[in-house]
Protein backbone atom coordinates (compact mmCIF):
# COMPACT_ATOMS: atom_id res chain seq x y z
CA MET A 1 103.80 120.18 47.98
CA ASP A 2 102.34 123.64 48.52
CA VAL A 3 99.71 124.86 46.11
CA PRO A 4 99.75 128.61 45.45
CA GLY A 5 96.53 130.41 46.12
CA PRO A 6 94.54 132.19 48.80
CA VAL A 7 95.07 129.44 51.37
CA SER A 8 98.86 129.59 50.96
CA ARG A 9 98.81 133.39 51.24
CA ARG A 10 96.75 133.19 54.43
CA ALA A 11 99.13 130.57 55.77
CA ALA A 12 102.12 132.78 54.96
CA ALA A 13 100.47 135.73 56.70
CA ALA A 14 99.70 133.61 59.73
CA THR A 15 103.31 132.38 59.76
CA THR A 16 104.55 135.97 59.75
CA MET A 17 102.28 136.77 62.68
CA LEU A 18 103.58 133.72 64.54
CA LEU A 19 107.14 134.90 64.01
CA ARG A 20 106.24 138.26 65.48
CA THR A 21 104.39 136.88 68.51
CA ALA A 22 106.28 133.69 69.36
CA ARG A 23 108.72 135.54 71.58
CA VAL A 24 106.15 137.89 73.14
CA PRO A 25 104.21 136.77 76.25
CA ARG A 26 100.46 136.60 75.85
CA GLU A 27 98.85 139.98 76.53
CA GLY A 28 95.97 140.58 78.85
CA TRP A 29 97.19 138.45 81.76
CA PHE A 30 96.56 141.11 84.40
CA LEU A 31 92.75 141.23 84.20
CA PRO A 32 92.05 137.48 84.54
CA THR A 33 94.71 137.17 87.24
CA SER A 34 93.23 140.07 89.21
CA LEU A 35 89.70 138.70 88.90
CA LEU A 36 90.79 135.21 89.89
CA CYS A 37 92.72 136.48 92.92
CA SER A 38 89.71 138.58 93.95
CA TYR A 39 87.55 135.51 93.70
CA GLY A 40 90.02 133.44 95.73
CA PHE A 41 90.27 136.12 98.40
CA PHE A 42 86.53 136.52 98.96
CA ALA A 43 85.79 132.80 98.62
CA ASN A 44 88.19 132.13 101.51
CA LEU A 45 87.21 135.17 103.58
CA ARG A 46 84.99 133.15 105.92
CA PRO A 47 85.33 134.38 109.52
CA SER A 48 82.89 131.76 110.81
CA GLU A 49 84.84 128.71 109.62
CA PRO A 50 87.21 128.42 112.63
CA PHE A 51 84.11 128.36 114.85
CA LEU A 52 82.05 125.84 112.88
CA THR A 53 82.02 123.13 115.55
CA PRO A 54 81.01 125.47 118.42
CA TYR A 55 78.27 126.85 116.17
CA LEU A 56 76.84 123.39 115.38
CA LEU A 57 77.01 122.36 119.04
CA GLY A 58 75.51 125.65 120.25
CA HIS A 59 71.93 126.76 120.69
CA CYS A 60 71.52 127.72 117.00
CA LYS A 61 71.64 124.11 115.79
CA ASN A 62 71.53 122.24 119.10
CA LEU A 63 73.26 119.13 117.76
CA THR A 64 75.05 116.57 119.92
CA GLU A 65 78.77 115.80 119.68
CA ARG A 66 78.04 112.32 118.36
CA GLU A 67 75.81 113.74 115.61
CA VAL A 68 78.40 116.32 114.57
CA PHE A 69 81.51 114.16 114.71
CA ASN A 70 80.17 110.73 113.79
CA GLU A 71 77.24 111.46 111.46
CA ILE A 72 77.70 114.92 109.90
CA TYR A 73 81.41 115.50 109.31
CA PRO A 74 81.95 112.10 107.59
CA VAL A 75 79.54 113.17 104.81
CA TRP A 76 82.08 115.73 103.61
CA THR A 77 84.72 113.01 103.23
CA TYR A 78 82.43 110.69 101.28
CA SER A 79 81.09 113.40 98.96
CA TYR A 80 84.57 114.78 98.28
CA LEU A 81 85.81 111.32 97.28
CA VAL A 82 82.84 110.55 95.03
CA LEU A 83 82.97 113.92 93.28
CA LEU A 84 86.73 114.33 92.83
CA PHE A 85 87.33 112.31 89.66
CA PRO A 86 84.17 113.43 87.78
CA VAL A 87 84.93 117.05 88.70
CA PHE A 88 88.55 116.59 87.59
CA LEU A 89 87.39 115.59 84.09
CA ALA A 90 84.48 118.04 83.95
CA THR A 91 86.77 120.93 84.92
CA ASP A 92 88.94 120.35 81.87
CA TYR A 93 86.08 119.46 79.52
CA LEU A 94 84.01 122.54 80.44
CA ARG A 95 87.10 124.78 80.52
CA TYR A 96 87.29 125.80 84.17
CA LYS A 97 84.97 128.81 84.44
CA PRO A 98 81.67 126.87 84.79
CA ILE A 99 83.23 124.81 87.58
CA ILE A 100 84.45 127.95 89.35
CA LEU A 101 80.88 129.26 89.18
CA LEU A 102 79.67 125.93 90.55
CA GLN A 103 82.10 126.27 93.45
CA GLY A 104 80.84 129.78 94.22
CA LEU A 105 77.22 128.63 94.08
CA SER A 106 78.00 125.64 96.33
CA LEU A 107 79.59 127.93 98.90
CA ILE A 108 76.51 130.16 98.87
CA VAL A 109 74.20 127.17 99.38
CA THR A 110 76.47 125.85 102.15
CA TRP A 111 76.44 129.06 104.17
CA PHE A 112 72.77 129.76 103.51
CA MET A 113 71.93 126.31 104.92
CA LEU A 114 74.35 126.90 107.77
CA LEU A 115 72.27 129.92 108.71
CA TYR A 116 68.76 128.57 108.29
CA ALA A 117 68.77 124.76 107.96
CA GLN A 118 67.74 122.75 111.01
CA GLY A 119 68.02 119.09 111.86
CA LEU A 120 70.52 116.31 111.28
CA LEU A 121 69.50 115.47 107.70
CA ALA A 122 69.62 119.12 106.56
CA ILE A 123 73.13 119.61 107.97
CA GLN A 124 74.25 116.41 106.25
CA PHE A 125 73.04 117.87 102.95
CA LEU A 126 75.00 120.99 103.87
CA GLU A 127 78.16 118.88 104.14
CA PHE A 128 77.45 117.42 100.71
CA PHE A 129 77.36 120.88 99.16
CA TYR A 130 80.56 121.76 100.99
CA GLY A 131 82.07 118.61 99.46
CA ILE A 132 81.14 120.00 96.03
CA ALA A 133 82.82 123.30 96.90
CA THR A 134 85.98 121.50 98.02
CA ALA A 135 86.14 119.16 95.03
CA THR A 136 85.79 122.08 92.61
CA GLU A 137 88.83 123.91 94.04
CA ILE A 138 90.87 122.31 91.26
CA ALA A 139 89.20 124.68 88.79
CA TYR A 140 90.44 127.71 90.71
CA TYR A 141 94.04 126.51 90.78
CA SER A 142 94.17 125.40 87.13
CA TYR A 143 92.09 128.11 85.42
CA ILE A 144 94.89 130.65 85.21
CA TYR A 145 97.16 128.35 83.15
CA SER A 146 94.66 128.42 80.30
CA VAL A 147 94.57 132.20 79.91
CA VAL A 148 98.16 133.39 80.49
CA ASP A 149 101.46 132.80 78.79
CA VAL A 150 103.66 130.00 80.11
CA SER A 151 106.37 132.55 80.97
CA ARG A 152 104.06 133.97 83.65
CA TYR A 153 103.07 130.65 85.26
CA GLN A 154 105.29 131.04 88.31
CA LYS A 155 104.15 134.59 89.00
CA VAL A 156 100.41 133.99 88.58
CA THR A 157 100.61 130.77 90.60
CA SER A 158 102.10 132.67 93.53
CA TYR A 159 99.44 135.39 93.18
CA SER A 160 96.50 132.98 93.12
CA ARG A 161 97.74 130.92 96.07
CA THR A 162 98.64 134.00 98.07
CA ALA A 163 95.12 135.34 97.55
CA THR A 164 93.58 132.26 99.16
CA LEU A 165 96.02 132.32 102.08
CA VAL A 166 95.46 136.02 102.70
CA GLY A 167 91.70 135.57 102.47
CA PHE A 168 91.73 132.70 104.96
CA THR A 169 94.05 134.56 107.33
CA VAL A 170 92.05 137.81 107.22
CA GLY A 171 88.84 135.84 107.75
CA SER A 172 90.27 134.01 110.75
CA VAL A 173 91.60 137.19 112.35
CA LEU A 174 88.36 139.06 111.66
CA GLY A 175 86.32 136.25 113.20
CA GLN A 176 88.52 136.17 116.28
CA ILE A 177 88.32 139.93 116.79
CA LEU A 178 84.54 140.00 116.36
CA VAL A 179 84.07 137.13 118.83
CA SER A 180 86.62 138.16 121.46
CA VAL A 181 86.42 141.96 121.32
CA ALA A 182 83.05 142.88 119.83
CA ASN A 183 81.17 139.89 121.33
CA TRP A 184 79.45 139.13 118.04
CA SER A 185 77.40 135.96 117.81
CA LEU A 186 78.53 133.05 115.67
CA PHE A 187 75.36 133.50 113.63
CA SER A 188 76.56 136.99 112.67
CA LEU A 189 79.92 135.57 111.55
CA ASN A 190 78.08 133.21 109.22
CA VAL A 191 76.18 136.16 107.76
CA ILE A 192 79.51 137.81 106.93
CA SER A 193 80.79 134.55 105.41
CA LEU A 194 77.67 134.25 103.24
CA THR A 195 78.16 137.84 102.07
CA CYS A 196 81.80 137.22 101.16
CA VAL A 197 81.17 134.03 99.17
CA SER A 198 78.32 135.82 97.38
CA VAL A 199 80.75 138.57 96.34
CA ALA A 200 83.15 135.86 95.12
CA PHE A 201 80.37 134.28 93.06
CA ALA A 202 79.58 137.66 91.46
CA VAL A 203 83.25 138.25 90.62
CA ALA A 204 83.51 134.82 88.97
CA TRP A 205 81.02 135.82 86.27
CA PHE A 206 83.50 138.38 84.92
CA LEU A 207 86.31 135.85 84.41
CA PRO A 208 87.20 135.46 80.72
CA MET A 209 86.13 132.13 79.27
CA PRO A 210 89.25 130.11 78.34
CA GLN A 211 89.53 128.82 74.77
CA LYS A 212 91.67 125.81 75.67
CA SER A 213 92.35 123.35 78.45
CA LEU A 214 95.04 120.86 79.34
CA PHE A 215 93.46 117.66 78.02
CA PHE A 216 90.22 118.02 76.03
CA HIS A 217 90.56 121.37 74.26
CA HIS A 218 93.78 121.72 72.31
CA VAL A 219 94.29 123.54 69.04
CA HIS A 220 92.26 122.10 66.18
CA PRO A 221 94.52 120.07 63.85
CA ALA A 222 93.64 122.37 60.93
CA CYS A 223 94.83 125.44 62.85
CA GLN A 224 97.57 123.84 64.90
CA GLY A 225 100.05 123.81 62.08
CA VAL A 226 99.96 126.60 59.55
CA ASN A 227 101.82 125.48 56.46
CA GLY A 228 103.83 123.14 58.64
CA VAL A 229 104.79 125.72 61.28
CA LYS A 230 104.73 125.03 65.01
CA VAL A 231 106.05 126.96 67.98
CA GLN A 232 108.46 125.33 70.40
CA ASN A 233 110.16 127.13 73.28
CA GLY A 234 109.50 130.49 71.76
CA GLY A 235 110.88 129.63 68.30
CA ILE A 236 109.49 128.48 64.93
CA THR A 237 110.25 125.13 63.32
CA GLN A 238 109.20 123.96 59.87
CA ASN A 239 107.67 120.53 59.34
CA SER A 240 106.53 118.79 56.22
CA GLY A 241 102.91 118.77 57.23
CA ILE A 242 100.35 120.00 59.67
CA VAL A 243 101.11 119.32 63.30
CA ASN A 244 98.37 117.18 64.79
CA ASP A 245 99.96 115.52 67.81
CA THR A 246 97.88 116.84 70.67
CA SER A 247 98.38 114.12 73.23
CA ALA A 248 98.72 115.26 76.79
CA SER A 249 102.13 113.70 77.15
CA HIS A 250 103.55 115.89 74.34
CA HIS A 251 101.71 119.14 75.12
CA LEU A 252 104.38 120.50 77.41
CA PRO A 253 104.28 123.89 79.13
CA GLY A 254 107.28 124.92 77.04
CA TRP A 255 105.11 124.89 73.93
CA GLU A 256 103.10 127.94 72.94
CA ASP A 257 99.60 127.22 71.62
CA VAL A 258 99.08 128.42 68.09
CA GLU A 259 95.43 128.87 69.04
CA SER A 260 96.41 131.81 71.22
CA LYS A 261 98.41 133.40 68.42
CA ILE A 262 96.04 133.24 65.41
CA PRO A 263 92.56 134.80 65.31
CA LEU A 264 90.04 132.01 64.78
CA HIS A 265 88.28 133.52 61.74
CA ALA A 266 86.69 131.32 59.13
CA GLU A 267 89.23 132.14 56.46
CA GLU A 268 92.19 131.38 58.70
CA CYS A 269 91.84 127.58 58.63
CA PRO A 270 91.04 125.22 55.78
CA VAL A 271 87.44 124.20 56.11
CA GLU A 272 88.11 120.96 54.27
CA GLU A 273 89.83 119.45 57.34
CA PRO A 274 87.65 116.73 58.88
CA VAL A 275 86.59 117.37 62.45
CA PRO A 276 87.23 114.37 64.70
CA GLU A 277 84.22 112.99 66.53
CA PRO A 278 83.92 114.24 70.13
CA ARG A 279 83.51 110.69 71.40
CA ALA A 280 86.75 109.63 69.73
CA ASP A 281 88.48 112.67 71.23
CA ARG A 282 87.25 111.79 74.71
CA LEU A 283 88.37 108.18 74.37
CA LEU A 284 91.77 109.36 73.13
CA VAL A 285 92.15 111.65 76.14
CA LEU A 286 91.31 108.82 78.53
CA LYS A 287 93.82 106.53 76.81
CA VAL A 288 96.49 109.22 77.03
CA LEU A 289 95.70 109.76 80.72
CA TRP A 290 96.09 106.04 81.39
CA ARG A 291 99.38 105.88 79.50
CA ASP A 292 100.68 108.92 81.37
CA PHE A 293 99.55 107.40 84.67
CA LEU A 294 101.61 104.26 84.04
CA ALA A 295 104.60 106.29 82.88
CA CYS A 296 104.54 108.61 85.91
CA TYR A 297 104.16 106.00 88.62
CA SER A 298 106.82 103.72 87.15
CA SER A 299 109.37 106.22 88.52
CA ARG A 300 110.48 105.16 91.99
CA PRO A 301 111.28 108.68 93.33
CA LEU A 302 107.93 110.01 92.13
CA LEU A 303 106.17 106.98 93.60
CA CYS A 304 107.89 107.55 96.95
CA TRP A 305 106.98 111.24 97.20
CA SER A 306 103.46 110.52 95.96
CA ALA A 307 103.01 107.81 98.58
CA TRP A 308 103.96 110.23 101.34
CA TRP A 309 101.71 112.90 99.82
CA ALA A 310 98.68 110.60 99.81
CA LEU A 311 99.31 109.04 103.23
CA SER A 312 100.06 112.30 105.02
CA THR A 313 97.24 114.23 103.35
CA CYS A 314 94.80 111.60 104.56
CA GLY A 315 95.91 112.14 108.16
CA TYR A 316 96.08 115.91 107.69
CA PHE A 317 92.47 116.05 106.53
CA GLN A 318 91.35 114.02 109.53
CA VAL A 319 93.16 116.20 112.04
CA MET A 320 91.90 119.39 110.41
CA ASN A 321 88.32 118.11 110.34
CA TYR A 322 88.16 117.17 114.02
CA ALA A 323 90.62 119.56 115.72
CA GLN A 324 87.82 121.93 116.67
CA GLY A 325 86.08 119.08 118.47
CA LEU A 326 89.21 118.49 120.52
CA TRP A 327 89.46 122.19 121.35
CA GLU A 328 85.80 122.28 122.32
CA GLN A 329 86.40 119.69 125.02
CA LEU A 330 89.32 121.67 126.44
CA THR A 331 87.66 125.11 126.33
CA LEU A 332 86.08 125.33 129.79
CA PRO A 333 83.68 126.59 130.81
CA ARG A 334 81.57 125.84 127.76
CA GLY A 335 80.69 129.48 127.04
CA ALA A 336 84.25 130.79 127.40
CA THR A 337 85.86 132.58 124.48
CA ALA A 338 87.78 130.30 122.12
CA TYR A 339 90.78 131.47 120.12
CA ASN A 340 90.25 129.15 117.16
CA GLY A 341 90.42 131.99 114.63
CA GLY A 342 93.67 133.36 116.00
CA VAL A 343 95.27 129.92 116.01
CA GLU A 344 94.22 129.27 112.42
CA ALA A 345 95.62 132.63 111.35
CA VAL A 346 98.94 132.15 113.17
CA SER A 347 99.40 128.60 111.86
CA THR A 348 98.67 129.74 108.29
CA LEU A 349 101.12 132.66 108.47
CA LEU A 350 103.91 130.60 110.03
CA GLY A 351 103.24 127.84 107.53
CA ALA A 352 103.59 130.35 104.71
CA VAL A 353 106.95 131.47 106.17
CA ALA A 354 108.08 127.84 106.29
CA VAL A 355 107.00 127.35 102.69
CA PHE A 356 108.97 130.44 101.68
CA ALA A 357 112.03 129.07 103.46
CA VAL A 358 111.91 125.87 101.42
CA GLY A 359 113.50 127.70 98.51
CA TYR A 360 116.65 128.27 100.59
CA ILE A 361 117.06 124.71 101.88
CA LYS A 362 120.10 123.08 100.29
CA ILE A 363 119.90 119.31 100.59
CA SER A 364 120.14 116.30 98.29
CA TRP A 365 116.51 115.19 98.43
CA SER A 366 117.23 112.19 96.23
CA THR A 367 119.53 110.89 98.97
CA TRP A 368 118.03 112.16 102.20
CA GLY A 369 114.43 112.78 101.18
CA GLU A 370 112.97 109.61 102.64
CA MET A 371 114.86 110.03 105.91
CA ALA A 372 113.60 113.61 106.16
CA LEU A 373 110.04 112.45 105.53
CA SER A 374 110.45 109.86 108.27
CA LEU A 375 111.83 112.35 110.79
CA PHE A 376 109.20 115.01 110.17
CA SER A 377 106.39 112.45 110.11
CA LEU A 378 107.54 111.40 113.56
CA LEU A 379 107.41 115.03 114.69
CA ILE A 380 103.88 115.30 113.29
CA ALA A 381 102.92 112.18 115.23
CA ALA A 382 104.35 113.73 118.41
CA ALA A 383 102.43 116.98 117.80
CA VAL A 384 99.14 115.12 117.28
CA TYR A 385 99.73 112.99 120.37
CA THR A 386 100.45 116.13 122.42
CA MET A 387 97.24 117.71 121.13
CA ASP A 388 95.33 114.68 122.32
CA THR A 389 96.88 114.29 125.77
CA ALA A 390 97.27 117.97 126.74
CA ASP A 391 95.03 119.24 129.50
CA ASN A 392 95.79 122.87 128.65
CA ILE A 393 94.11 124.47 125.65
CA TRP A 394 97.20 126.58 124.89
CA VAL A 395 99.42 123.50 124.67
CA CYS A 396 96.87 121.97 122.33
CA TYR A 397 96.82 125.12 120.21
CA ALA A 398 100.63 125.24 120.05
CA SER A 399 100.82 121.57 119.01
CA TYR A 400 98.29 122.25 116.26
CA VAL A 401 100.41 125.14 114.95
CA VAL A 402 103.50 122.89 114.88
CA PHE A 403 101.50 120.19 113.10
CA ARG A 404 100.35 122.55 110.35
CA ILE A 405 103.78 124.15 109.86
CA ILE A 406 105.51 120.80 109.38
CA TYR A 407 102.85 119.52 107.01
CA MET A 408 102.85 122.67 104.87
CA LEU A 409 106.64 122.56 104.71
CA LEU A 410 106.79 118.92 103.63
CA ILE A 411 103.89 119.07 101.18
CA THR A 412 105.62 121.97 99.43
CA ILE A 413 108.83 119.95 99.13
CA ALA A 414 106.87 116.94 97.87
CA THR A 415 105.06 119.09 95.32
CA PHE A 416 108.33 120.50 94.03
CA GLN A 417 109.97 117.08 93.82
CA ILE A 418 107.02 115.66 91.90
CA ALA A 419 106.57 118.60 89.55
CA THR A 420 110.25 119.10 88.68
CA ASN A 421 110.38 116.71 85.74
CA LEU A 422 106.71 116.61 84.74
CA SER A 423 104.75 118.51 82.14
CA MET A 424 101.78 120.55 83.33
CA GLU A 425 99.39 117.84 82.14
CA ARG A 426 101.19 115.04 83.95
CA TYR A 427 101.48 117.14 87.09
CA ALA A 428 97.73 117.74 87.04
CA LEU A 429 97.18 114.00 86.62
CA VAL A 430 99.53 113.07 89.47
CA PHE A 431 97.99 115.74 91.71
CA GLY A 432 94.51 114.36 91.01
CA VAL A 433 95.52 110.74 91.56
CA ASN A 434 97.38 111.49 94.80
CA THR A 435 94.45 113.47 96.15
CA PHE A 436 92.05 110.70 95.16
CA ILE A 437 94.15 108.08 96.97
CA ALA A 438 94.35 110.34 100.03
CA LEU A 439 90.57 110.70 100.05
CA ALA A 440 90.08 106.96 99.55
CA LEU A 441 92.30 106.28 102.58
CA GLN A 442 90.53 108.99 104.55
CA THR A 443 87.16 107.46 103.66
CA LEU A 444 88.33 104.07 104.89
CA LEU A 445 89.69 105.62 108.09
CA THR A 446 86.47 107.57 108.60
CA LEU A 447 84.29 104.50 108.05
CA ILE A 448 86.24 102.46 110.59
CA VAL A 449 87.12 105.04 113.23
CA VAL A 450 84.63 107.92 113.01
CA ASP A 451 81.38 106.89 111.36
CA ALA A 452 78.52 105.89 113.65
CA SER A 453 78.05 102.74 111.54
CA GLY A 454 81.67 101.77 112.33
CA LEU A 455 83.42 102.07 115.67
CA GLY A 456 82.15 105.62 116.22
CA LEU A 457 85.00 106.47 118.57
CA ASP A 458 85.17 109.62 120.65
CA ILE A 459 87.49 112.49 119.70
CA THR A 460 90.23 111.62 122.20
CA THR A 461 90.53 108.04 121.00
CA GLN A 462 90.45 109.19 117.37
CA PHE A 463 93.45 111.44 117.87
CA GLN A 464 95.38 108.62 119.49
CA ILE A 465 94.81 106.61 116.33
CA TYR A 466 95.86 109.56 114.12
CA ALA A 467 99.09 109.93 116.10
CA GLY A 468 99.78 106.23 115.64
CA TYR A 469 98.99 106.57 111.94
CA PHE A 470 101.68 109.23 111.45
CA ALA A 471 104.12 107.20 113.54
CA LEU A 472 103.52 104.24 111.21
CA ILE A 473 104.26 106.48 108.20
CA ALA A 474 107.53 107.49 109.89
CA VAL A 475 108.53 103.85 110.41
CA VAL A 476 107.73 102.91 106.80
CA PHE A 477 109.81 105.75 105.34
CA LEU A 478 112.62 105.14 107.82
CA ALA A 479 112.91 101.55 106.61
CA ASN A 480 112.65 102.60 102.97
CA GLY A 481 115.17 105.42 103.45
CA THR A 482 117.63 103.07 105.12
CA VAL A 483 117.45 100.69 102.19
CA THR A 484 117.92 103.58 99.75
CA LEU A 485 121.04 104.81 101.57
CA MET A 486 122.51 101.31 101.73
CA LYS A 487 121.99 100.82 98.00
CA LYS A 488 123.46 104.23 97.22
CA TYR A 489 126.65 103.68 99.22
CA SER A 490 127.03 100.12 97.93
CA ARG A 491 126.90 101.46 94.37
CA GLN A 492 129.59 104.01 95.27
CA GLU A 493 131.84 101.23 96.57
CA ASP A 494 131.29 98.91 93.61
CA PRO A 495 133.38 100.90 91.11
CA ASP A 496 136.36 100.84 93.49
CA SER A 497 136.13 97.09 94.00
CA SER A 498 135.64 96.46 90.31
CA SER A 499 138.69 98.61 89.44
CA GLN A 500 140.76 96.65 91.96
CA VAL A 501 139.74 93.39 90.33
CA THR A 502 140.65 94.78 86.92
CA THR A 503 144.09 95.88 88.17
CA THR A 504 144.75 92.48 89.71
């Protein structure tokens, strides 16, 4: 029963404001989006990255191939795996911006050490900081959802991802031009990279601090329902009490946050409402995450696409990490100009075209998805095998471009299939879990195949194993897809047979 008084009048005023704003997208989306895209562009504008392996093997660092491939590069894999889950939680708990700043700082430390650090141990520490920078990428991709209206999600997502692709492509092309045409040293390219990531770090300080996050920071129960009012899909519904269900599984993107609609002044919310203990809130979030995890992965289609995501991403990371080592062996003589930057730029652009084309592909993925994954995984295996066995650097480059295009195409389809029926919170959870599994598999593969404490195989043998790995993925999904098709067609025949029995 409502009690008349100042609180009721404030609640009525807040309700009126909600009615006015529920159908209006949140204002001020342009500034944070522009700043975030600027950050993403400069953070990925690193012209030296396609030439990292030649730089480490050259006179500046004077490291051996075994040190680079078997003792230095594996550190990135291990640090990424260890940091991923803590960073995933910290990103949401600290509300994104501090983690973006941490990523910018990690990139600065990485490229500063790349310029001036010497010795095996120092470069291994460098890889650890690069692992921090990679693990914190999740903050960049999720920040924008906390500061813009849900109606703009698709647009700002395309902007933020395009910024990173453009930055990487411009950096690759710039590096290639400076090396091939201007004869700049690789050290100079690293100076440019350090400058660019420093600019990105400076831009990040101007990002607005979000007031909410997906899991830990929802609207306070006292402010979440004003006199029983909540916003759903742009409309207002009246409940008998204050809305206090803030679990991740119910906080869907279709809901507008009342927090973003009502100024958080002291008189706006009843001060008598008890504030839940932070520890209890954290435990509740973890319980909700576990419940959502079980609910998501009990779906067979989602489990299938997630399995391919994790398995293929593991192999993709390995090929990307060690492709430059393969090119280095084929670029003869040793001092000849490499075209690593141009190849990276071309593969990124063509991959972006393939991703764009996904929207025009008309196919029943529920029926033919597994068979398509099998076929394209086999093509990836063939591309990796060709990279490994080719004696010509241009054939190796071309195979690498094909490899990246196919992977970017399929990972986009997998992302769409997974995200179609999930809330933003559950999608973030599934993305984190899939990436964690991919890194766990990559760590195991690195320990056995790459690490000096394991087999410590040479690059050529490694790529033979990676080709076989993708071929195994193709066989697994071929078998699974065949079973799926058989079950589907048997179900289509069952109604006919049952109707015949009924008629008889």
